[in-house]
C-alpha atoms as a PDB file:
ATOM      1  CA  MET A   1       6.550  -1.957   4.740  1.00  0.00           C
ATOM      2  CA  THR A   2       9.440  -4.115   3.513  1.00  0.00           C
ATOM      3  CA  VAL A   3      12.635  -2.782   1.958  1.00  0.00           C
ATOM      4  CA  VAL A   4      13.117  -4.129  -1.562  1.00  0.00           C
ATOM      5  CA  THR A   5      16.349  -6.123  -1.905  1.00  0.00           C
ATOM      6  CA  GLU A   6      17.941  -8.659  -4.240  1.00  0.00           C
ATOM      7  CA  GLN A   7      16.097 -11.265  -2.177  1.00  0.00           C
ATOM      8  CA  THR A   8      12.832  -9.679  -3.323  1.00  0.00           C
ATOM      9  CA  SER A   9      13.737 -10.511  -6.914  1.00  0.00           C
ATOM     10  CA  THR A  10      14.673 -14.073  -5.980  1.00  0.00           C
ATOM     11  CA  ASP A  11      11.458 -14.564  -4.010  1.00  0.00           C
ATOM     12  CA  LEU A  12       9.325 -13.093  -6.798  1.00  0.00           C
ATOM     13  CA  VAL A  13      10.955 -15.303  -9.460  1.00  0.00           C
ATOM     14  CA  ARG A  14      10.384 -18.343  -7.222  1.00  0.00           C
ATOM     15  CA  PHE A  15       6.727 -17.399  -6.658  1.00  0.00           C
ATOM     16  CA  ILE A  16       6.081 -16.859 -10.362  1.00  0.00           C
ATOM     17  CA  ASN A  17       7.744 -20.147 -11.329  1.00  0.00           C
ATOM     18  CA  ARG A  18       5.870 -22.148  -8.682  1.00  0.00           C
ATOM     19  CA  GLU A  19       2.467 -20.482  -8.644  1.00  0.00           C
ATOM     20  CA  VAL A  20       1.842 -18.268 -11.659  1.00  0.00           C
ATOM     21  CA  SER A  21       3.797 -19.069 -14.822  1.00  0.00           C
ATOM     22  CA  ILE A  22       1.972 -20.992 -17.523  1.00  0.00           C
ATOM     23  CA  SER A  23       5.188 -21.478 -19.488  1.00  0.00           C
ATOM     24  CA  PRO A  24       6.876 -24.888 -19.462  1.00  0.00           C
ATOM     25  CA  ASP A  25      10.238 -23.103 -19.236  1.00  0.00           C
ATOM     26  CA  PRO A  26      11.456 -21.568 -15.980  1.00  0.00           C
ATOM     27  CA  ILE A  27      11.431 -17.793 -15.902  1.00  0.00           C
ATOM     28  CA  GLU A  28      14.313 -15.592 -14.804  1.00  0.00           C
ATOM     29  CA  ALA A  29      14.465 -11.967 -13.691  1.00  0.00           C
ATOM     30  CA  GLU A  30      14.836 -10.746 -17.289  1.00  0.00           C
ATOM     31  CA  THR A  31      12.240 -13.032 -18.892  1.00  0.00           C
ATOM     32  CA  ASP A  32       9.540 -11.104 -20.742  1.00  0.00           C
ATOM     33  CA  LEU A  33       6.521 -12.413 -18.848  1.00  0.00           C
ATOM     34  CA  LEU A  34       3.735 -10.680 -20.716  1.00  0.00           C
ATOM     35  CA  LEU A  35       4.654 -10.635 -24.390  1.00  0.00           C
ATOM     36  CA  THR A  36       5.798 -14.287 -24.284  1.00  0.00           C
ATOM     37  CA  GLY A  37       2.585 -15.355 -22.578  1.00  0.00           C
ATOM     38  CA  ALA A  38       4.388 -16.827 -19.559  1.00  0.00           C
ATOM     39  CA  VAL A  39       1.964 -14.902 -17.342  1.00  0.00           C
ATOM     40  CA  ASP A  40      -1.656 -14.177 -18.221  1.00  0.00           C
ATOM     41  CA  SER A  41      -3.925 -11.465 -16.812  1.00  0.00           C
ATOM     42  CA  LEU A  42      -4.965 -13.607 -13.838  1.00  0.00           C
ATOM     43  CA  GLY A  43      -1.285 -14.219 -13.143  1.00  0.00           C
ATOM     44  CA  VAL A  44      -0.635 -10.479 -13.047  1.00  0.00           C
ATOM     45  CA  ILE A  45      -3.386 -10.139 -10.440  1.00  0.00           C
ATOM     46  CA  ARG A  46      -1.783 -12.910  -8.383  1.00  0.00           C
ATOM     47  CA  ILE A  47       1.601 -11.186  -8.628  1.00  0.00           C
ATOM     48  CA  THR A  48       0.189  -7.856  -7.464  1.00  0.00           C
ATOM     49  CA  GLN A  49      -1.553  -9.629  -4.583  1.00  0.00           C
ATOM     50  CA  TRP A  50       1.767 -11.271  -3.618  1.00  0.00           C
ATOM     51  CA  MET A  51       3.440  -7.842  -3.632  1.00  0.00           C
ATOM     52  CA  GLU A  52       0.754  -6.414  -1.397  1.00  0.00           C
ATOM     53  CA  ASP A  53       0.719  -9.374   0.994  1.00  0.00           C
ATOM     54  CA  GLU A  54       4.466 -10.015   1.192  1.00  0.00           C
ATOM     55  CA  LEU A  55       5.819  -6.473   0.931  1.00  0.00           C
ATOM     56  CA  GLY A  56       3.032  -4.358   2.342  1.00  0.00           C
ATOM     57  CA  VAL A  57       2.789  -2.083  -0.691  1.00  0.00           C
ATOM     58  CA  THR A  58      -0.400  -1.030  -2.406  1.00  0.00           C
ATOM     59  CA  VAL A  59      -0.266  -1.546  -6.169  1.00  0.00           C
ATOM     60  CA  ASP A  60      -2.357   1.012  -8.013  1.00  0.00           C
ATOM     61  CA  PRO A  61      -4.105  -0.703 -10.958  1.00  0.00           C
ATOM     62  CA  ALA A  62      -2.981   2.210 -13.163  1.00  0.00           C
ATOM     63  CA  ASP A  63       0.626   1.192 -12.425  1.00  0.00           C
ATOM     64  CA  VAL A  64       0.159  -2.290 -13.917  1.00  0.00           C
ATOM     65  CA  THR A  65       1.757  -1.514 -17.271  1.00  0.00           C
ATOM     66  CA  LEU A  66       4.386  -3.082 -19.514  1.00  0.00           C
ATOM     67  CA  ASP A  67       6.869  -0.524 -18.202  1.00  0.00           C
ATOM     68  CA  ASN A  68       6.407  -1.818 -14.652  1.00  0.00           C
ATOM     69  CA  PHE A  69       5.419  -5.473 -15.057  1.00  0.00           C
ATOM     70  CA  GLN A  70       7.053  -6.886 -18.180  1.00  0.00           C
ATOM     71  CA  THR A  71       9.916  -8.547 -16.287  1.00  0.00           C
ATOM     72  CA  VAL A  72      10.708  -9.306 -12.663  1.00  0.00           C
ATOM     73  CA  THR A  73      13.547  -6.769 -12.851  1.00  0.00           C
ATOM     74  CA  GLN A  74      11.046  -4.072 -13.863  1.00  0.00           C
ATOM     75  CA  MET A  75       8.687  -5.141 -11.081  1.00  0.00           C
ATOM     76  CA  VAL A  76      11.467  -4.874  -8.498  1.00  0.00           C
ATOM     77  CA  SER A  77      12.381  -1.398  -9.790  1.00  0.00           C
ATOM     78  CA  TYR A  78       8.732  -0.400  -9.514  1.00  0.00           C
ATOM     79  CA  LEU A  79       8.567  -1.799  -5.976  1.00  0.00           C
ATOM     80  CA  ALA A  80      11.758   0.004  -4.950  1.00  0.00           C
ATOM     81  CA  GLY A  81      10.155   3.259  -6.036  1.00  0.00           C
ATOM     82  CA  ARG A  82       6.957   2.465  -4.138  1.00  0.00           C
ATOM     83  CA  THR A  83       8.688   1.510  -0.890  1.00  0.00           C
ATOM     84  CA  ALA A  84      10.993   4.538  -1.040  1.00  0.00           C
ATOM     85  CA  SER A  85       7.966   6.876  -0.995  1.00  0.00           C
END
């Protein structure tokens, strides 16, 4: 299991911009991904798969909520809690 660091946020932003975002504008760590439509439901699945593959965490589908997945910053906080367990 990987420790979540600032690099995790950078890597996740890069992944979303390159592979997932459907927005013409680049996203940042504080960009609202869901309510702006930058990421759709398939994109959320791809993000959770990236987390599992790259960080070795299991994302419970019940955890995929606005509180945990609205921004990259929230995702990193969620991941930090998961990897600390």
